[in-house]
Protein backbone atom coordinates (compact mmCIF):
# COMPACT_ATOMS: atom_id res chain seq x y z
CA MET A 1 25.34 -5.88 -8.24
CA ARG A 2 24.83 -7.06 -4.70
CA SER A 3 21.33 -7.41 -3.32
CA LEU A 4 19.65 -4.48 -1.62
CA PRO A 5 19.81 -4.36 2.18
CA GLU A 6 16.74 -5.11 4.24
CA ALA A 7 15.12 -2.26 6.12
CA ASP A 8 15.80 -2.05 9.83
CA PRO A 9 13.31 -3.94 12.02
CA GLY A 10 10.45 -1.81 13.23
CA VAL A 11 9.38 1.68 12.25
CA PRO A 12 11.75 4.52 13.22
CA ASP A 13 10.38 7.28 15.44
CA ILE A 14 11.25 10.17 13.12
CA ARG A 15 9.01 13.24 12.95
CA SER A 16 11.10 15.53 10.70
CA PRO A 17 11.47 15.13 6.89
CA LEU A 18 15.09 16.30 7.06
CA ARG A 19 15.87 13.81 9.81
CA TYR A 20 14.23 11.05 7.78
CA LEU A 21 16.46 11.79 4.78
CA TRP A 22 19.49 11.86 7.10
CA TRP A 23 18.40 8.59 8.75
CA ASN A 24 17.87 6.97 5.35
CA ALA A 25 21.34 8.03 4.22
CA GLY A 26 22.84 6.68 7.46
CA ARG A 27 21.33 3.24 6.84
CA GLN A 28 23.44 2.90 3.68
CA ALA A 29 26.50 4.89 4.78
CA PRO A 30 29.15 2.44 3.38
CA SER A 31 27.69 2.34 -0.13
CA LEU A 32 26.96 6.07 0.00
CA LEU A 33 30.53 6.94 1.01
CA LEU A 34 31.90 4.60 -1.66
CA GLY A 35 29.72 6.28 -4.28
CA ILE A 36 30.80 9.73 -3.08
CA GLY A 37 34.42 8.61 -3.40
CA PHE A 38 33.93 7.56 -7.02
CA ALA A 39 32.00 10.79 -7.75
CA VAL A 40 34.79 12.93 -6.26
CA LEU A 41 37.41 11.04 -8.29
CA TRP A 42 35.30 11.41 -11.44
CA TRP A 43 34.99 15.19 -11.01
CA LEU A 44 38.62 15.65 -9.96
CA VAL A 45 39.93 13.89 -13.06
CA GLN A 46 37.83 16.18 -15.24
CA ALA A 47 39.03 19.19 -13.27
CA LEU A 48 42.66 18.27 -13.97
CA MET A 49 42.17 17.75 -17.72
CA PRO A 50 42.19 21.48 -18.69
CA ALA A 51 45.55 21.94 -16.95
CA VAL A 52 46.99 18.92 -18.78
CA LEU A 53 45.60 20.20 -22.12
CA GLY A 54 47.14 23.60 -21.40
CA GLN A 55 50.51 22.01 -20.79
CA GLY A 56 50.17 20.02 -23.99
CA ILE A 57 49.41 23.17 -26.01
CA GLN A 58 52.44 24.89 -24.51
CA ALA A 59 54.54 21.87 -25.55
CA VAL A 60 53.20 22.20 -29.10
CA THR A 61 53.95 25.92 -29.11
CA ALA A 62 57.51 25.26 -27.85
CA LYS A 63 57.91 22.29 -30.27
CA ASP A 64 58.89 20.12 -27.30
CA THR A 65 58.08 16.61 -28.56
CA PRO A 66 59.08 14.65 -25.40
CA SER A 67 56.95 16.96 -23.25
CA LEU A 68 54.04 16.61 -25.67
CA VAL A 69 54.26 12.81 -25.50
CA THR A 70 54.38 12.92 -21.70
CA TRP A 71 51.34 15.17 -21.36
CA SER A 72 49.46 13.12 -23.97
CA ALA A 73 50.12 9.97 -21.92
CA VAL A 74 48.93 11.75 -18.77
CA LEU A 75 45.76 12.84 -20.57
CA PHE A 76 45.17 9.28 -21.78
CA GLY A 77 45.61 7.96 -18.22
CA LEU A 78 43.18 10.55 -16.88
CA GLY A 79 40.68 9.46 -19.54
CA LEU A 80 40.91 5.84 -18.41
CA ILE A 81 40.45 6.84 -14.77
CA GLN A 82 37.49 9.03 -15.69
CA ALA A 83 35.83 6.17 -17.59
CA PHE A 84 36.29 3.72 -14.71
CA SER A 85 35.23 6.17 -11.99
CA GLY A 86 32.24 7.31 -14.08
CA ILE A 87 31.00 3.74 -14.50
CA MET A 88 31.38 2.99 -10.79
CA ARG A 89 29.84 6.32 -9.78
CA HIS A 90 26.78 5.60 -11.88
CA ARG A 91 26.61 2.04 -10.58
CA MET A 92 26.71 3.18 -6.96
CA ALA A 93 24.23 5.97 -7.73
CA VAL A 94 21.69 3.44 -9.01
CA TYR A 95 22.32 1.19 -6.01
CA ASN A 96 21.86 4.02 -3.52
CA TRP A 97 18.76 5.25 -5.35
CA LEU A 98 17.16 1.82 -5.17
CA ALA A 99 18.19 1.25 -1.56
CA ALA A 100 16.74 4.57 -0.38
CA ALA A 101 13.56 4.29 -2.45
CA TYR A 102 12.69 0.71 -1.55
CA ARG A 103 13.67 1.11 2.08
CA THR A 104 10.87 3.68 2.11
CA VAL A 105 8.54 1.11 0.50
CA GLN A 106 9.51 -1.46 3.14
CA LEU A 107 8.93 0.98 5.98
CA THR A 108 5.58 2.25 4.74
CA SER A 109 4.40 -1.32 4.01
CA ARG A 110 5.43 -2.43 7.49
CA GLN A 111 3.73 0.62 8.99
CA ALA A 112 0.55 -0.09 6.99
CA ALA A 113 0.50 -3.64 8.37
CA ARG A 114 1.15 -2.28 11.88
CA LEU A 115 -1.66 0.28 11.65
CA GLY A 116 -4.15 -2.20 10.21
CA ALA A 117 -7.67 -0.80 10.36
CA THR A 118 -6.35 2.56 11.62
CA LEU A 119 -4.73 3.50 8.31
CA PRO A 120 -7.86 3.89 6.11
CA LYS A 121 -9.48 5.92 8.91
CA ARG A 122 -6.64 8.45 9.03
CA LEU A 123 -5.39 8.66 5.44
CA SER A 124 -7.04 8.41 2.05
CA THR A 125 -6.12 5.72 -0.45
CA GLY A 126 -4.62 8.35 -2.75
CA GLU A 127 -2.20 9.63 -0.13
CA VAL A 128 -0.85 6.14 0.52
CA VAL A 129 -0.66 5.23 -3.17
CA SER A 130 1.20 8.44 -4.05
CA VAL A 131 4.08 7.35 -1.80
CA GLY A 132 4.73 4.39 -4.08
CA ASN A 133 3.90 6.29 -7.28
CA SER A 134 6.14 9.34 -6.94
CA ASP A 135 7.54 9.97 -3.47
CA ILE A 136 9.95 7.04 -3.41
CA ALA A 137 11.50 8.34 -6.65
CA HIS A 138 12.07 11.77 -5.13
CA ILE A 139 13.56 10.27 -1.98
CA GLY A 140 15.85 8.09 -4.09
CA ASN A 141 16.88 11.12 -6.14
CA SER A 142 17.69 13.11 -3.01
CA ILE A 143 20.11 10.37 -1.90
CA ASP A 144 21.50 9.86 -5.40
CA ILE A 145 22.34 13.55 -5.87
CA LEU A 146 24.53 13.51 -2.75
CA LEU A 147 27.16 11.63 -4.77
CA ARG A 148 27.46 14.07 -7.65
CA GLY A 149 26.73 17.06 -5.44
CA THR A 150 29.61 16.32 -3.09
CA GLY A 151 31.92 15.66 -6.03
CA ALA A 152 30.82 18.92 -7.65
CA VAL A 153 31.75 20.91 -4.53
CA VAL A 154 35.18 19.26 -4.47
CA ALA A 155 35.65 19.98 -8.19
CA ILE A 156 34.75 23.66 -7.80
CA VAL A 157 37.15 24.03 -4.87
CA THR A 158 39.92 22.29 -6.87
CA VAL A 159 39.44 24.52 -9.92
CA THR A 160 39.36 27.61 -7.72
CA VAL A 161 42.66 26.63 -6.08
CA ILE A 162 44.25 25.97 -9.49
CA LEU A 163 43.08 29.30 -10.85
CA ILE A 164 44.24 31.22 -7.78
CA SER A 165 47.66 29.61 -8.01
CA THR A 166 47.84 30.53 -11.70
CA SER A 167 46.09 33.90 -11.71
CA LEU A 168 44.86 35.50 -8.49
CA PRO A 169 42.20 37.73 -10.16
CA LEU A 170 40.63 34.80 -12.04
CA GLY A 171 40.71 32.55 -8.98
CA LEU A 172 39.04 35.20 -6.84
CA LEU A 173 36.45 35.76 -9.57
CA VAL A 174 35.44 32.09 -9.46
CA LEU A 175 35.63 32.01 -5.67
CA VAL A 176 33.21 34.95 -5.40
CA GLY A 177 31.06 34.10 -8.44
CA VAL A 178 29.96 30.61 -7.39
CA PRO A 179 28.42 31.70 -4.03
CA ILE A 180 26.69 34.60 -5.77
CA MET A 181 25.07 32.20 -8.25
CA ALA A 182 23.98 29.90 -5.43
CA ALA A 183 22.44 32.87 -3.62
CA ALA A 184 20.64 33.91 -6.81
CA VAL A 185 18.98 30.49 -7.07
CA ALA A 186 17.97 30.20 -3.38
CA PRO A 187 14.84 32.48 -3.60
CA LEU A 188 13.31 30.04 -6.12
CA LEU A 189 13.40 27.08 -3.73
CA ARG A 190 10.74 28.24 -1.26
CA PRO A 191 7.96 28.80 -3.85
CA LEU A 192 9.00 25.58 -5.56
CA HIS A 193 8.70 23.72 -2.26
CA ARG A 194 5.26 25.21 -1.59
CA ARG A 195 3.88 24.51 -5.06
CA GLN A 196 5.21 20.95 -5.10
CA ARG A 197 3.52 20.22 -1.77
CA HIS A 198 0.22 21.61 -3.04
CA GLN A 199 0.48 19.57 -6.25
CA ARG A 200 1.09 16.37 -4.29
CA GLU A 201 -1.93 17.01 -2.09
CA LEU A 202 -4.14 17.46 -5.16
CA THR A 203 -2.63 14.37 -6.79
CA GLY A 204 -3.42 12.30 -3.70
CA GLU A 205 -7.02 13.53 -3.70
CA LEU A 206 -7.34 12.75 -7.41
CA SER A 207 -5.99 9.22 -6.86
CA THR A 208 -8.59 8.71 -4.13
CA ARG A 209 -11.34 9.92 -6.46
CA ALA A 210 -10.17 7.56 -9.21
CA ALA A 211 -10.09 4.60 -6.80
CA ASP A 212 -13.63 5.40 -5.62
CA ILE A 213 -14.94 5.64 -9.18
CA VAL A 214 -13.35 2.36 -10.25
CA ALA A 215 -14.62 0.55 -7.14
CA GLY A 216 -18.14 1.91 -7.53
CA LEU A 217 -18.42 1.88 -11.32
CA ARG A 218 -21.12 -0.79 -11.34
CA VAL A 219 -23.22 1.21 -8.88
CA LEU A 220 -22.65 4.46 -10.78
CA ARG A 221 -23.86 2.87 -14.00
CA GLY A 222 -26.86 1.48 -12.19
CA VAL A 223 -27.99 4.92 -11.03
CA GLY A 224 -26.78 6.80 -14.12
CA GLY A 225 -24.09 8.73 -12.30
CA GLU A 226 -21.16 8.14 -14.67
CA GLN A 227 -21.34 11.59 -16.24
CA VAL A 228 -21.53 13.39 -12.90
CA PHE A 229 -18.48 11.65 -11.49
CA SER A 230 -16.67 11.91 -14.81
CA ARG A 231 -17.18 15.68 -14.70
CA ARG A 232 -15.94 15.83 -11.11
CA TYR A 233 -12.86 13.81 -12.00
CA ARG A 234 -12.21 16.02 -15.02
CA ASP A 235 -12.48 19.18 -12.91
CA GLU A 236 -10.13 17.81 -10.27
CA SER A 237 -7.66 16.61 -12.89
CA GLN A 238 -7.60 20.13 -14.32
CA ASP A 239 -6.76 21.45 -10.86
CA VAL A 240 -3.86 18.97 -10.72
CA ARG A 241 -2.76 20.04 -14.20
CA GLY A 242 -2.85 23.71 -13.16
CA ALA A 243 -0.80 22.94 -10.06
CA GLY A 244 1.69 21.04 -12.23
CA VAL A 245 1.97 23.99 -14.61
CA ARG A 246 2.69 26.31 -11.69
CA VAL A 247 5.39 23.92 -10.46
CA ALA A 248 6.82 23.73 -13.97
CA GLY A 249 6.92 27.54 -14.13
CA VAL A 250 9.29 27.71 -11.17
CA GLU A 251 11.26 24.70 -12.40
CA SER A 252 11.71 26.30 -15.82
CA VAL A 253 13.14 29.44 -14.22
CA LEU A 254 15.43 27.23 -12.14
CA GLU A 255 16.49 25.29 -15.24
CA GLY A 256 17.16 28.52 -17.10
CA ALA A 257 19.25 29.79 -14.21
CA GLN A 258 21.40 26.66 -14.53
CA ILE A 259 22.33 27.82 -18.06
CA VAL A 260 22.42 31.60 -17.78
CA LEU A 261 24.35 32.06 -14.53
CA PRO A 262 27.25 29.68 -15.35
CA GLY A 263 27.32 31.16 -18.87
CA LEU A 264 27.80 34.65 -17.48
CA LEU A 265 30.64 33.42 -15.29
CA ILE A 266 32.25 31.65 -18.28
CA ALA A 267 32.04 34.77 -20.40
CA LEU A 268 33.54 36.87 -17.63
CA VAL A 269 36.39 34.44 -16.88
CA THR A 270 37.16 33.97 -20.60
CA GLY A 271 37.09 37.69 -21.31
CA ILE A 272 39.44 38.58 -18.45
CA GLY A 273 41.73 35.66 -19.34
CA ALA A 274 41.86 36.81 -22.98
CA SER A 275 42.83 40.32 -21.90
CA PHE A 276 45.64 38.88 -19.79
CA ALA A 277 46.86 36.81 -22.79
CA VAL A 278 46.80 39.85 -25.10
CA ALA A 279 48.79 41.81 -22.52
CA GLY A 280 51.31 38.97 -22.39
CA ASP A 281 50.65 38.20 -18.70
CA ILE A 282 49.78 34.55 -19.39
CA PRO A 283 50.85 32.20 -22.22
CA THR A 284 48.45 30.83 -24.86
CA GLY A 285 48.29 27.42 -23.19
CA GLN A 286 47.05 28.94 -19.94
CA LEU A 287 44.41 30.95 -21.82
CA VAL A 288 43.07 27.73 -23.33
CA ALA A 289 43.17 26.09 -19.90
CA PHE A 290 41.23 29.03 -18.37
CA TYR A 291 38.57 28.73 -21.07
CA LEU A 292 38.28 25.00 -20.54
CA TYR A 293 38.01 25.54 -16.78
CA ALA A 294 35.25 28.04 -17.32
CA VAL A 295 33.38 25.58 -19.58
CA PHE A 296 34.02 22.73 -17.14
CA LEU A 297 32.51 24.72 -14.27
CA ILE A 298 29.10 24.58 -16.00
CA GLY A 299 28.81 20.90 -15.04
CA PRO A 300 29.43 21.11 -11.28
CA MET A 301 27.47 24.35 -10.93
CA ARG A 302 24.48 22.86 -12.72
CA THR A 303 24.83 19.83 -10.47
CA LEU A 304 24.62 22.07 -7.40
CA THR A 305 21.43 23.68 -8.75
CA GLU A 306 20.04 20.23 -9.54
CA ALA A 307 20.93 19.14 -6.01
CA ALA A 308 18.93 22.04 -4.57
CA ASP A 309 15.93 21.04 -6.71
CA LYS A 310 16.09 17.33 -5.90
CA LEU A 311 16.70 17.86 -2.19
CA THR A 312 13.67 20.16 -2.10
CA LYS A 313 11.50 17.53 -3.79
CA GLY A 314 12.94 14.86 -1.48
CA HIS A 315 12.07 17.00 1.52
CA VAL A 316 8.46 17.31 0.36
CA ALA A 317 8.23 13.57 -0.32
CA ALA A 318 9.79 12.72 3.04
CA GLY A 319 7.13 14.85 4.71
CA ARG A 320 4.42 12.62 3.24
CA VAL A 321 6.27 9.51 4.37
CA ILE A 322 6.67 10.96 7.87
CA ARG A 323 2.94 11.60 7.97
CA ILE A 324 2.37 7.86 7.56
CA LEU A 325 5.18 6.78 9.88
CA SER A 326 4.02 9.13 12.65
CA LEU A 327 0.58 7.51 12.90
CA GLU A 328 -0.08 5.24 15.86
CA PRO A 329 -2.56 2.33 15.92
CA GLU A 330 -5.84 3.10 17.63
CA VAL A 331 -5.50 -0.11 19.62
CA THR A 332 -2.36 -1.73 20.95
CA GLY A 333 -1.55 -4.94 22.77
CA GLY A 334 0.25 -5.87 25.94
CA THR A 335 2.44 -8.70 27.11
CA GLY A 336 -0.13 -10.81 28.93
CA SER A 337 -1.38 -14.28 28.12
CA SER A 338 -4.65 -16.16 28.14
CA ALA A 339 -5.58 -19.81 27.97
CA GLY A 340 -8.82 -18.84 26.24
CA GLY A 341 -12.33 -19.42 27.40
CA VAL A 342 -15.34 -17.14 27.58
CA LEU A 343 -15.09 -14.02 25.39
CA ARG A 344 -17.18 -11.21 26.87
CA ASP A 345 -17.89 -7.63 25.90
CA SER A 346 -18.77 -5.87 29.14
CA TYR A 347 -20.34 -2.80 27.52
CA SER A 348 -22.99 -4.68 25.53
CA GLY A 349 -23.12 -7.79 27.71
CA VAL A 350 -22.52 -10.10 24.73
CA THR A 351 -20.87 -13.31 25.98
CA LEU A 352 -19.49 -16.08 23.77
CA GLN A 353 -19.31 -19.49 25.40
CA PRO A 354 -16.40 -21.70 24.25
CA GLY A 355 -17.41 -24.15 21.52
CA TRP A 356 -20.82 -22.59 20.91
CA LEU A 357 -22.28 -21.21 17.70
CA THR A 358 -23.69 -17.89 18.90
CA ALA A 359 -25.61 -15.34 16.86
CA VAL A 360 -26.15 -11.64 17.55
CA ALA A 361 -29.18 -9.94 16.04
CA ALA A 362 -29.12 -6.16 16.45
CA ALA A 363 -31.95 -3.73 15.86
CA ALA A 364 -29.34 -1.38 14.35
CA PRO A 365 -26.71 -3.11 12.18
CA GLY A 366 -24.06 -0.67 13.38
CA ASP A 367 -24.40 -2.02 16.94
CA ALA A 368 -23.48 -5.54 15.80
CA ILE A 369 -20.48 -4.22 13.88
CA ALA A 370 -19.31 -2.25 16.93
CA ILE A 371 -19.55 -5.38 19.09
CA ALA A 372 -17.58 -7.41 16.54
CA ASP A 373 -14.90 -4.70 16.44
CA ARG A 374 -14.54 -4.69 20.21
CA LEU A 375 -14.45 -8.49 20.47
CA GLY A 376 -11.83 -8.64 17.69
CA ARG A 377 -9.78 -5.81 19.24
CA TYR A 378 -10.29 -3.48 16.30
CA ALA A 379 -11.80 -0.94 18.68
CA ASP A 380 -11.00 -0.31 22.30
CA GLY A 381 -13.36 -1.75 24.86
CA ASP A 382 -13.70 -3.59 28.15
CA VAL A 383 -13.42 -7.15 26.77
CA THR A 384 -12.22 -10.24 28.64
CA PHE A 385 -10.91 -13.45 27.12
CA GLY A 386 -11.01 -16.13 29.74
CA SER A 387 -9.42 -14.67 32.87
CA ALA A 388 -7.43 -11.99 31.01
CA GLU A 389 -8.42 -8.62 29.62
CA LEU A 390 -8.15 -8.65 25.84
CA ARG A 391 -6.17 -5.39 25.79
CA THR A 392 -3.36 -7.03 27.78
CA LEU A 393 -2.67 -9.68 25.11
CA PRO A 394 -0.13 -9.07 22.32
CA ILE A 395 -1.97 -7.77 19.27
CA ASP A 396 -0.41 -10.46 17.03
CA GLU A 397 -1.76 -13.15 19.33
CA VAL A 398 -5.23 -11.61 19.27
CA ARG A 399 -5.19 -11.53 15.46
CA SER A 400 -4.12 -15.18 15.24
CA ARG A 401 -6.70 -16.41 17.75
CA ILE A 402 -9.71 -14.18 16.99
CA LEU A 403 -10.71 -13.57 13.37
CA VAL A 404 -13.31 -10.96 12.39
CA ALA A 405 -14.54 -11.51 8.82
CA ASP A 406 -16.83 -8.80 7.48
CA ASN A 407 -18.10 -7.73 4.09
CA ASP A 408 -15.40 -5.07 3.70
CA ALA A 409 -12.83 -7.86 3.26
CA ARG A 410 -11.62 -8.38 -0.28
CA LEU A 411 -9.89 -10.84 -2.53
CA PHE A 412 -6.46 -9.94 -3.84
CA ASN A 413 -4.69 -10.62 -7.10
CA GLY A 414 -3.06 -14.07 -7.35
CA ARG A 415 -3.87 -17.76 -7.42
CA LEU A 416 -7.23 -18.58 -5.89
CA ARG A 417 -5.59 -21.29 -3.79
CA ASP A 418 -3.25 -18.71 -2.25
CA GLU A 419 -6.12 -16.27 -1.72
CA LEU A 420 -8.10 -18.86 0.23
CA ASP A 421 -5.22 -20.45 2.14
CA VAL A 422 -3.58 -17.23 3.33
CA ARG A 423 -1.31 -19.03 5.83
CA GLY A 424 -0.21 -21.68 3.36
CA GLN A 425 -0.88 -24.52 5.79
CA ALA A 426 -4.14 -26.07 4.55
CA THR A 427 -4.34 -29.31 2.60
CA ASP A 428 -6.50 -29.76 -0.49
CA GLU A 429 -8.97 -31.65 1.69
CA ASP A 430 -9.18 -28.72 4.12
CA ILE A 431 -9.80 -26.29 1.26
CA HIS A 432 -12.51 -28.41 -0.37
CA ARG A 433 -14.18 -28.95 3.00
CA ALA A 434 -14.34 -25.20 3.58
CA LEU A 435 -15.58 -24.57 0.04
CA ARG A 436 -18.37 -27.05 0.56
CA ALA A 437 -19.35 -25.47 3.88
CA ALA A 438 -19.52 -22.07 2.15
CA CYS A 439 -21.42 -23.51 -0.84
CA ALA A 440 -18.58 -22.32 -3.09
CA THR A 441 -17.54 -25.56 -4.81
CA ASP A 442 -19.55 -24.65 -7.90
CA ILE A 443 -17.54 -21.41 -8.22
CA VAL A 444 -14.22 -23.26 -8.26
CA ASP A 445 -15.54 -26.01 -10.55
CA ALA A 446 -16.51 -23.40 -13.14
CA LEU A 447 -13.02 -21.89 -13.26
CA PRO A 448 -10.70 -23.04 -16.09
CA ASP A 449 -7.83 -24.04 -13.76
CA GLY A 450 -9.79 -24.62 -10.57
CA LEU A 451 -7.91 -23.51 -7.48
CA ASP A 452 -4.90 -22.59 -9.63
CA THR A 453 -6.86 -19.95 -11.55
CA GLU A 454 -5.44 -16.43 -11.31
CA VAL A 455 -7.80 -14.06 -9.51
CA ALA A 456 -8.03 -10.52 -10.85
CA GLU A 457 -7.63 -7.49 -8.58
CA ALA A 458 -10.44 -7.35 -5.98
CA GLY A 459 -11.89 -10.55 -7.47
CA ARG A 460 -13.84 -8.51 -9.98
CA GLU A 461 -14.60 -11.56 -12.17
CA PHE A 462 -16.87 -12.88 -9.39
CA SER A 463 -20.32 -11.59 -8.51
CA GLY A 464 -21.05 -10.11 -5.12
CA GLY A 465 -22.55 -13.35 -3.84
CA GLN A 466 -19.65 -15.42 -5.16
CA GLN A 467 -17.12 -13.12 -3.51
CA GLN A 468 -18.98 -13.40 -0.23
CA ARG A 469 -18.96 -17.20 -0.34
CA LEU A 470 -15.25 -17.28 -1.20
CA ARG A 471 -14.49 -14.91 1.68
CA LEU A 472 -16.44 -17.20 4.00
CA ALA A 473 -14.43 -20.19 2.75
CA ARG A 474 -11.21 -18.29 3.41
CA ALA A 475 -12.29 -17.57 6.99
CA LEU A 476 -13.18 -21.25 7.55
CA ILE A 477 -9.82 -22.42 6.14
CA THR A 478 -8.01 -20.14 8.60
CA ASP A 479 -9.81 -22.06 11.38
CA PRO A 480 -9.21 -19.60 14.25
CA GLU A 481 -9.97 -20.28 17.88
CA VAL A 482 -12.74 -17.66 17.72
CA LEU A 483 -14.44 -16.79 14.43
CA ILE A 484 -16.65 -13.70 14.19
CA LEU A 485 -18.68 -13.39 10.98
CA VAL A 486 -20.53 -10.18 10.09
CA GLU A 487 -23.52 -10.78 7.76
CA PRO A 488 -21.83 -13.69 5.95
CA THR A 489 -24.90 -14.52 3.82
CA SER A 490 -26.34 -11.10 2.99
CA ALA A 491 -25.59 -11.40 -0.76
CA VAL A 492 -26.67 -15.00 -1.43
CA ASP A 493 -30.06 -16.47 -2.31
CA ALA A 494 -32.29 -18.12 0.27
CA HIS A 495 -31.51 -21.70 -0.80
CA SER A 496 -27.75 -21.14 -0.58
CA GLU A 497 -28.23 -19.32 2.72
CA ALA A 498 -30.06 -22.29 4.22
CA ARG A 499 -27.35 -24.72 3.10
CA ILE A 500 -24.58 -22.42 4.39
CA ALA A 501 -26.28 -22.10 7.78
CA GLU A 502 -26.54 -25.86 8.14
CA ARG A 503 -23.01 -26.62 6.93
CA LEU A 504 -21.44 -23.76 8.88
CA ALA A 505 -22.77 -25.18 12.14
CA ALA A 506 -21.19 -28.54 11.30
CA ALA A 507 -17.92 -27.05 10.09
CA ARG A 508 -17.44 -25.03 13.31
CA ALA A 509 -18.67 -27.73 15.70
CA GLY A 510 -16.74 -27.46 18.96
CA ARG A 511 -15.22 -24.11 18.00
CA THR A 512 -16.31 -20.70 19.27
CA THR A 513 -18.22 -18.87 16.55
CA LEU A 514 -20.23 -15.64 16.49
CA ILE A 515 -22.46 -14.67 13.57
CA CYS A 516 -23.81 -11.12 13.42
CA THR A 517 -26.97 -11.42 11.32
CA THR A 518 -30.72 -10.91 11.23
CA SER A 519 -31.36 -13.78 8.83
CA PRO A 520 -33.92 -16.20 10.32
CA LEU A 521 -32.38 -19.08 8.37
CA VAL A 522 -29.00 -18.54 10.05
CA LEU A 523 -30.42 -17.63 13.46
CA ASP A 524 -32.43 -20.84 13.54
CA ARG A 525 -29.18 -22.86 13.31
CA ALA A 526 -27.44 -21.02 16.14
CA GLU A 527 -27.16 -22.68 19.54
CA HIS A 528 -27.59 -19.37 21.31
CA VAL A 529 -29.06 -16.09 20.02
CA ILE A 530 -28.51 -12.67 21.58
CA TYR A 531 -30.77 -9.74 20.73
CA VAL A 532 -29.14 -6.30 21.01
CA GLU A 533 -30.92 -2.98 21.06
CA GLU A 534 -29.22 0.40 21.49
CA GLY A 535 -25.91 -1.37 21.96
CA ARG A 536 -27.04 -3.54 24.91
CA VAL A 537 -28.26 -7.11 25.30
CA LEU A 538 -32.05 -7.07 25.58
CA ALA A 539 -32.88 -10.77 25.30
CA GLU A 540 -31.16 -14.16 24.97
CA GLY A 541 -32.25 -17.68 24.08
CA THR A 542 -32.80 -19.79 21.01
CA HIS A 543 -34.25 -18.31 17.87
CA ARG A 544 -37.68 -19.83 18.43
CA GLN A 545 -37.73 -18.85 22.09
CA LEU A 546 -37.03 -15.23 21.20
CA LEU A 547 -39.65 -15.24 18.45
CA ASP A 548 -42.24 -16.21 21.04
CA GLY A 549 -40.91 -14.16 23.97
CA SER A 550 -39.47 -10.96 22.47
CA PRO A 551 -41.72 -8.91 20.18
CA ALA A 552 -38.82 -6.52 19.40
CA TYR A 553 -36.64 -9.42 18.27
CA ALA A 554 -39.45 -10.90 16.20
CA ALA A 555 -40.05 -7.55 14.49
CA THR A 556 -36.33 -7.20 13.71
CA VAL A 557 -35.70 -10.62 12.21
CA THR A 558 -39.02 -10.99 10.38
CA ARG A 559 -38.97 -7.41 9.04
CA GLY A 560 -42.46 -6.90 10.42
CA GLU A 561 -43.90 -9.89 8.52
CA ASP A 562 -46.09 -12.56 10.14
């Protein structure tokens, strides 16, 4: 099978679930139309088989051997066509399912990268994860069912025309009966839609709870909170189970309707056809054909009911996808340019001179984080970079030139080498130099395969201090024009902190670096220290100058100790 098509560049501006499903189908129109063609042929061949069987039975009754051979050959040919069209229909169904489902994955992944830090502020982890867990399957199913659904409509119309041409009462019975059955199923779709949406919301919340528990399991065990959170998870999972049972209740009624309603129509058509045969109005062969038509109609009518169910689920799933796609980043870029230079946050007054190692010590840690976010363009603010306002630069350029590395960063699953060299441009010498600066060479040396060791999800095999040193090495390997580090040594011991402070100054010599910290060991190595209180610069100088001249600074960095 040919490879799946790439998603269209960018994120479409679609705010309606129905429009999203229509847009998704339009992106794969050729393969979708081809699949519909095979599905129509597949159903049509099956719709013609009862008529051919009826003619064959009449030939047997009339003892017409040549006619029997002819109709047997026609039936054999129809069987070959059905086999071929069925294989191709299924093949195209799988292709269209995958294309629709993974186009959604591509779009949501691209949107997640576009939103960046905005995404976790607006949506929970569970809501995003549920798109990949279940919603893509429902969206794929809603596109897949278009093939068989369209073919089923054509098959029902064909059988109705054949029956009308053979027996007007039976044809009219089918023509009227099918819409009545569709109308009987319609009232079930609204409650199904509502209950499915509620179940998905609860599932997303439960996924978020599970992610929180797994991430904080070590802390929970430390404070003895496992049982409390286990009970909360159990209660929420029971709510999800109850919602699933309510959804299954409606689905079971819908599934039962797929059997009962076509069965009633079959019984009615067969009974009336039998009465016509007894009265001598139709021959025996036509009676058999009418029965086979009635049995055949179960398939397309069940397909129509299935289509209603899958399109409803696809609509609900598309609504969740639209919720992600409709989000806009909190900060955006422009089309300007900057040659670099002084980076200044006008609100706080923090100014980074090019090539200097600057440190910011804040009385409230949140103030330092807010400054780092504004300087890195993760929050809006009046920031200038050289002669240009930072907001006028393209956001991709800002991200490549200014790196903010905080303690919320994480390691991902994969080779350690790839986790450290995220751009794939560093040499082994560059990596080892950064590891040494971050005092992380002992971590790599202890691994069985060194830099080629596979890192587990979130780097859980490393301690908190080891993860922090590896994250610092990763930031140094990236070697941005401006590096902003938020508490890079908060989880390491004093000896390692002193070595990191000394080596960091050497590693970033001549490059603009800002360290947000209150560690005296790090502050003493900075060329320039800025003290911030209530979000504003209160004092500037070297560490020792501020210790002597600013009592507030001294109290902050020494924790009130002499």
